[in-house]
Protein backbone atom coordinates (compact mmCIF):
# COMPACT_ATOMS: atom_id res chain seq x y z
CA MET A 1 82.03 114.73 113.44
CA ASN A 2 81.78 116.05 109.87
CA ASP A 3 78.16 115.47 108.83
CA LYS A 4 79.11 115.57 105.13
CA SER A 5 82.24 113.41 105.15
CA VAL A 6 82.00 109.99 103.48
CA VAL A 7 84.76 107.42 103.15
CA ILE A 8 84.45 105.03 100.19
CA ALA A 9 86.49 101.87 100.66
CA GLY A 10 87.34 100.30 97.32
CA GLY A 11 86.61 103.58 95.62
CA SER A 12 88.93 103.50 92.60
CA GLY A 13 86.78 101.27 90.37
CA PHE A 14 83.84 102.03 88.12
CA LEU A 15 81.19 102.07 90.84
CA GLY A 16 83.35 103.86 93.42
CA VAL A 17 84.30 106.69 91.06
CA SER A 18 80.70 107.07 89.91
CA LEU A 19 79.50 107.28 93.52
CA ALA A 20 82.29 109.71 94.42
CA TYR A 21 81.27 112.12 91.65
CA HIS A 22 77.62 111.83 92.72
CA LEU A 23 78.37 112.57 96.38
CA LEU A 24 80.60 115.51 95.46
CA GLU A 25 77.72 116.98 93.46
CA SER A 26 75.62 116.64 96.64
CA ASN A 27 78.29 118.62 98.56
CA PHE A 28 79.76 115.72 100.49
CA LYS A 29 83.44 115.56 101.32
CA VAL A 30 84.72 112.29 99.85
CA THR A 31 87.76 110.21 100.73
CA LEU A 32 88.66 107.18 98.63
CA LEU A 33 90.39 104.21 100.24
CA SER A 34 92.04 102.01 97.64
CA ARG A 35 95.21 100.14 96.75
CA ASN A 36 95.59 102.28 93.64
CA ARG A 37 94.81 105.89 92.90
CA PRO A 38 91.92 106.12 90.42
CA LYS A 39 92.73 107.20 86.87
CA ALA A 40 89.81 109.62 86.98
CA ASN A 41 90.35 113.05 88.51
CA GLY A 42 87.99 114.49 91.11
CA HIS A 43 87.94 116.75 94.14
CA TRP A 44 88.28 113.86 96.55
CA ASP A 45 91.00 112.83 98.96
CA PHE A 46 92.85 109.59 98.32
CA VAL A 47 94.35 107.32 100.98
CA GLU A 48 96.17 104.11 100.17
CA TRP A 49 95.44 100.89 102.05
CA ASP A 50 95.86 97.16 101.49
CA ALA A 51 92.27 96.29 102.51
CA ARG A 52 93.58 93.65 104.91
CA THR A 53 95.58 95.23 107.73
CA LEU A 54 95.22 98.18 110.07
CA GLY A 55 97.40 101.22 109.40
CA ASN A 56 97.47 104.99 109.23
CA TRP A 57 94.49 104.89 106.88
CA GLN A 58 92.10 104.25 109.75
CA SER A 59 92.36 107.86 110.89
CA VAL A 60 90.25 108.96 107.91
CA ILE A 61 87.18 107.16 109.26
CA ASP A 62 87.50 108.81 112.68
CA GLY A 63 84.72 111.39 112.75
CA ALA A 64 83.35 110.62 109.29
CA ALA A 65 79.60 110.66 108.79
CA ALA A 66 79.56 107.35 106.92
CA VAL A 67 81.65 104.58 105.45
CA VAL A 68 80.68 102.87 102.20
CA ASN A 69 82.40 99.54 101.54
CA LEU A 70 82.66 98.47 97.89
CA VAL A 71 85.77 96.30 98.18
CA GLY A 72 85.86 93.06 96.22
CA ARG A 73 87.94 91.46 93.50
CA SER A 74 86.17 91.48 90.14
CA VAL A 75 84.21 88.34 89.28
CA ASP A 76 84.90 89.01 85.58
CA CYS A 77 87.55 86.29 85.34
CA VAL A 78 88.06 82.58 84.77
CA LYS A 79 87.07 80.89 88.04
CA THR A 80 90.32 79.14 88.89
CA PRO A 81 90.71 77.99 92.52
CA GLY A 82 93.05 80.93 93.14
CA HIS A 83 90.64 83.46 91.68
CA CYS A 84 87.71 82.00 93.65
CA ASP A 85 89.75 82.22 96.84
CA GLU A 86 90.66 85.85 96.17
CA ILE A 87 87.06 86.77 95.27
CA LEU A 88 85.98 85.52 98.70
CA ARG A 89 88.95 86.74 100.75
CA SER A 90 89.02 90.24 99.28
CA ARG A 91 85.45 90.86 100.42
CA VAL A 92 85.58 89.19 103.81
CA GLU A 93 89.00 90.51 104.86
CA ALA A 94 88.25 94.11 103.88
CA THR A 95 84.99 94.00 105.84
CA ARG A 96 86.74 92.47 108.84
CA VAL A 97 89.53 95.07 108.97
CA LEU A 98 87.04 97.92 108.55
CA GLY A 99 85.24 96.58 111.61
CA GLU A 100 88.52 96.47 113.54
CA ALA A 101 89.19 100.07 112.52
CA MET A 102 85.72 101.13 113.71
CA GLN A 103 86.54 99.73 117.14
CA SER A 104 89.89 101.52 117.32
CA VAL A 105 88.90 105.10 116.49
CA THR A 106 87.52 107.67 118.92
CA THR A 107 84.44 108.62 116.89
CA PRO A 108 83.36 105.81 114.55
CA PRO A 109 80.97 106.72 111.72
CA PRO A 110 77.33 106.32 112.76
CA VAL A 111 76.48 104.74 109.38
CA TRP A 112 78.10 101.84 107.53
CA VAL A 113 76.75 101.06 104.07
CA GLN A 114 77.94 97.68 102.81
CA MET A 115 77.74 96.48 99.24
CA SER A 116 76.67 92.89 98.66
CA THR A 117 75.40 91.06 95.58
CA ALA A 118 71.98 90.17 94.21
CA HIS A 119 73.69 86.99 93.01
CA ILE A 120 73.28 85.79 96.60
CA TYR A 121 69.91 84.42 95.43
CA GLY A 122 71.63 82.14 92.94
CA ASP A 123 70.38 81.59 89.39
CA PRO A 124 66.75 80.43 89.56
CA PRO A 125 65.57 80.22 85.92
CA SER A 126 62.23 82.00 86.29
CA LEU A 127 61.62 82.79 89.97
CA VAL A 128 61.43 86.49 90.86
CA CYS A 129 63.41 87.06 94.06
CA THR A 130 62.86 89.70 96.74
CA GLU A 131 64.73 90.36 99.97
CA GLY A 132 62.96 87.48 101.72
CA SER A 133 63.76 84.86 99.09
CA PRO A 134 66.09 82.00 100.04
CA PHE A 135 69.73 82.23 99.06
CA GLY A 136 70.96 80.15 96.16
CA TYR A 137 73.65 77.54 95.64
CA GLY A 138 77.14 77.97 94.23
CA LEU A 139 80.17 80.25 94.46
CA ALA A 140 78.39 83.60 94.28
CA PRO A 141 75.76 82.82 96.96
CA GLU A 142 78.51 81.38 99.16
CA VAL A 143 80.61 84.52 98.73
CA GLY A 144 77.62 86.81 99.31
CA ASN A 145 76.62 84.93 102.44
CA ALA A 146 80.18 85.08 103.85
CA TRP A 147 80.41 88.78 102.96
CA GLU A 148 77.18 89.65 104.76
CA SER A 149 77.99 87.39 107.72
CA GLN A 150 81.31 89.17 108.24
CA PHE A 151 79.54 92.52 108.04
CA ALA A 152 77.03 91.41 110.69
CA GLN A 153 79.96 90.48 112.96
CA SER A 154 81.88 93.70 112.23
CA VAL A 155 79.26 96.45 112.36
CA LEU A 156 79.13 98.15 115.75
CA ASN A 157 76.04 97.93 117.92
CA GLU A 158 75.68 101.70 117.83
CA GLN A 159 76.04 101.90 114.05
CA ARG A 160 73.21 101.88 111.53
CA GLY A 161 74.13 99.17 109.07
CA VAL A 162 72.71 98.97 105.54
CA VAL A 163 73.46 96.17 103.07
CA LEU A 164 72.79 96.81 99.37
CA ARG A 165 72.51 93.66 97.26
CA THR A 166 73.43 95.18 93.93
CA SER A 167 72.61 93.89 90.47
CA PHE A 168 74.30 94.68 87.14
CA VAL A 169 75.05 98.43 87.13
CA VAL A 170 74.85 100.11 83.72
CA GLY A 171 76.86 103.30 83.54
CA ARG A 172 79.27 105.56 81.68
CA ASP A 173 83.03 105.28 81.38
CA ARG A 174 84.62 108.01 83.51
CA GLY A 175 88.22 106.88 83.32
CA ALA A 176 87.60 103.96 85.67
CA GLY A 177 86.11 101.61 83.12
CA GLY A 178 82.47 101.59 82.11
CA GLY A 179 81.54 98.37 83.83
CA ALA A 180 80.20 95.42 81.88
CA LEU A 181 78.07 97.68 79.65
CA SER A 182 81.21 98.72 77.75
CA ARG A 183 81.90 95.11 76.77
CA LEU A 184 78.26 94.42 75.86
CA ARG A 185 78.17 97.55 73.71
CA LEU A 186 81.22 96.36 71.77
CA VAL A 187 79.72 92.89 71.33
CA ALA A 188 76.48 94.37 70.02
CA ARG A 189 78.22 96.73 67.59
CA ILE A 190 80.09 93.91 65.88
CA GLY A 191 76.84 92.02 65.38
CA LEU A 192 77.16 89.42 68.12
CA GLY A 193 74.61 90.86 70.52
CA GLY A 194 71.97 88.19 70.15
CA LYS A 195 70.49 85.46 72.28
CA ILE A 196 72.96 83.63 74.50
CA GLY A 197 72.03 80.06 75.33
CA SER A 198 68.30 79.98 76.01
CA GLY A 199 68.12 83.78 76.23
CA ARG A 200 65.61 83.45 79.06
CA GLN A 201 68.09 83.91 81.89
CA GLY A 202 67.35 86.96 83.99
CA MET A 203 69.28 90.22 83.70
CA SER A 204 68.58 92.36 86.72
CA TRP A 205 70.09 95.77 86.13
CA ILE A 206 70.17 99.31 87.52
CA HIS A 207 71.21 102.69 86.12
CA GLU A 208 74.28 104.13 87.85
CA LYS A 209 72.38 107.27 88.82
CA ASP A 210 69.76 105.24 90.68
CA ILE A 211 72.33 103.09 92.49
CA ASN A 212 74.14 106.27 93.54
CA ARG A 213 70.88 107.76 94.79
CA ILE A 214 70.24 104.59 96.81
CA PHE A 215 73.70 104.79 98.38
CA GLU A 216 73.13 108.45 99.25
CA ARG A 217 69.73 107.68 100.73
CA ALA A 218 71.25 104.88 102.80
CA ILE A 219 73.75 107.40 104.18
CA ILE A 220 71.27 110.09 105.16
CA ASP A 221 67.94 108.29 105.77
CA SER A 222 67.82 107.10 109.38
CA SER A 223 64.93 104.73 108.58
CA MET A 224 67.07 102.57 106.31
CA GLN A 225 68.57 99.55 108.05
CA GLY A 226 69.28 95.95 107.09
CA ALA A 227 69.41 94.36 103.65
CA TYR A 228 67.95 95.88 100.47
CA ILE A 229 68.00 94.73 96.87
CA ALA A 230 69.47 97.56 94.79
CA SER A 231 68.12 96.89 91.32
CA SER A 232 65.61 98.28 88.86
CA PRO A 233 62.01 97.20 89.53
CA ASN A 234 61.87 95.85 85.96
CA PRO A 235 64.36 93.03 85.33
CA VAL A 236 64.44 91.59 81.83
CA SER A 237 65.64 88.43 80.11
CA GLN A 238 69.07 88.34 78.47
CA MET A 239 67.37 88.18 75.06
CA ASP A 240 65.30 91.30 75.80
CA PHE A 241 68.29 93.16 77.25
CA MET A 242 70.35 92.65 74.10
CA ARG A 243 67.38 93.52 71.89
CA SER A 244 67.02 96.83 73.74
CA LEU A 245 70.76 97.46 73.50
CA ARG A 246 70.78 96.81 69.74
CA ARG A 247 67.79 99.09 69.29
CA THR A 248 69.52 101.87 71.21
CA LEU A 249 72.72 101.47 69.18
CA ARG A 250 70.76 101.11 65.91
CA VAL A 251 72.34 97.75 65.19
CA PRO A 252 69.91 95.75 63.03
CA ILE A 253 71.06 92.21 63.83
CA GLY A 254 72.50 90.22 66.69
CA LEU A 255 73.79 86.75 66.00
CA PRO A 256 72.91 84.15 68.63
CA ALA A 257 75.48 82.07 70.49
CA THR A 258 74.98 78.54 71.71
CA GLU A 259 76.07 77.50 75.17
CA ALA A 260 79.04 75.61 73.74
CA MET A 261 80.19 78.69 71.80
CA VAL A 262 79.92 80.88 74.87
CA ARG A 263 81.83 78.44 77.06
CA PHE A 264 84.68 78.30 74.54
CA GLY A 265 84.79 82.01 73.71
CA ALA A 266 84.46 83.26 77.27
CA ARG A 267 87.30 81.15 78.58
CA TRP A 268 89.75 81.15 75.67
CA ILE A 269 89.07 84.48 73.95
CA LEU A 270 87.67 86.86 76.60
CA GLY A 271 89.31 85.25 79.62
CA THR A 272 86.18 85.33 81.72
CA ASP A 273 83.54 83.09 83.27
CA PRO A 274 80.94 81.86 80.73
CA GLU A 275 78.36 81.42 83.49
CA LEU A 276 78.18 85.21 83.88
CA ALA A 277 76.38 85.20 80.52
CA LEU A 278 74.68 81.81 80.59
CA TYR A 279 72.93 82.19 83.94
CA GLY A 280 71.08 85.01 85.63
CA ARG A 281 68.35 86.01 88.02
CA TYR A 282 65.28 88.19 88.26
CA VAL A 283 65.28 90.34 91.41
CA VAL A 284 62.87 93.08 92.50
CA PRO A 285 63.71 95.74 95.15
CA GLN A 286 60.63 95.19 97.27
CA ARG A 287 61.88 97.05 100.35
CA LEU A 288 62.86 100.15 98.36
CA ILE A 289 59.53 100.16 96.54
CA GLU A 290 57.62 99.83 99.81
CA SER A 291 59.63 102.69 101.32
CA GLY A 292 58.58 104.99 98.47
CA PHE A 293 61.89 105.20 96.63
CA SER A 294 61.32 106.61 93.14
CA PHE A 295 63.56 105.26 90.39
CA GLU A 296 64.61 107.83 87.82
CA PHE A 297 65.29 105.06 85.29
CA PRO A 298 62.90 102.17 86.02
CA ASP A 299 62.81 100.99 82.38
CA LEU A 300 65.73 99.62 80.40
CA ASP A 301 65.08 101.43 77.12
CA ARG A 302 65.13 104.83 78.80
CA ALA A 303 68.23 103.92 80.82
CA LEU A 304 70.22 102.84 77.75
CA VAL A 305 69.17 105.88 75.72
CA ASP A 306 70.39 108.10 78.54
CA LEU A 307 73.74 106.31 78.76
CA LEU A 308 74.45 105.59 75.08
């Protein structure tokens, strides 16, 4: 087994490329599993797969030190029945086939780190959620629950399984898209970065460097097992997030948007789900804090200054 070999499934997107660069800097050997080769260039190996069926790709996990699974269709879309179905299936089917591959190889990785979503807790308007909080209601909690349930069925008994319930990751554009921060930055620069709806909906966020450090710790720290919230310890409201973003960009004003405006603009102009902006949640990474994890960017102002 190669103690420094990590396979990232779904590694061609923003988060996968960011994690790949981070692990390479920590002297890991990285292999990306994806349908498409990433636009960014890095000293990683690339293997194509369909994320649904077994194939020659499964040989790359034989003898690897860890597998990280990030596969999942973007939720940044209009929630048609077809899109909702694909959001669910992409996550569950990729997790299922990874589990089948683990069973088929001679030396399965001893560690499987599985991404999940902090949206599993739903959209409580003011409640602060930790790992022990009840799951919410709606599409995202349903998808998160199915995702984690499939992982629980697929992870091998001898594997150490870690689930990271990630929040909104703020990061840089490295040729794989800059995540949602790129869109919010544009909105703020044209003067529309004000209060959306009530403005009180929670925005739980995390700097890309901290999420990458959490993934790396999950790979190498034998004490980590089970589900963790991967988010900054200091969530903010949507109104405060945009205020901090405007301050960082030196944009003096941000026009507010009513719920009706957001519902129209999101669907017919941006082609996305208005509820991504209108609802939110406050989550706190209690298990990481209790384990002594030190966030490099615990506060939003410092995180945005570093990135922008």
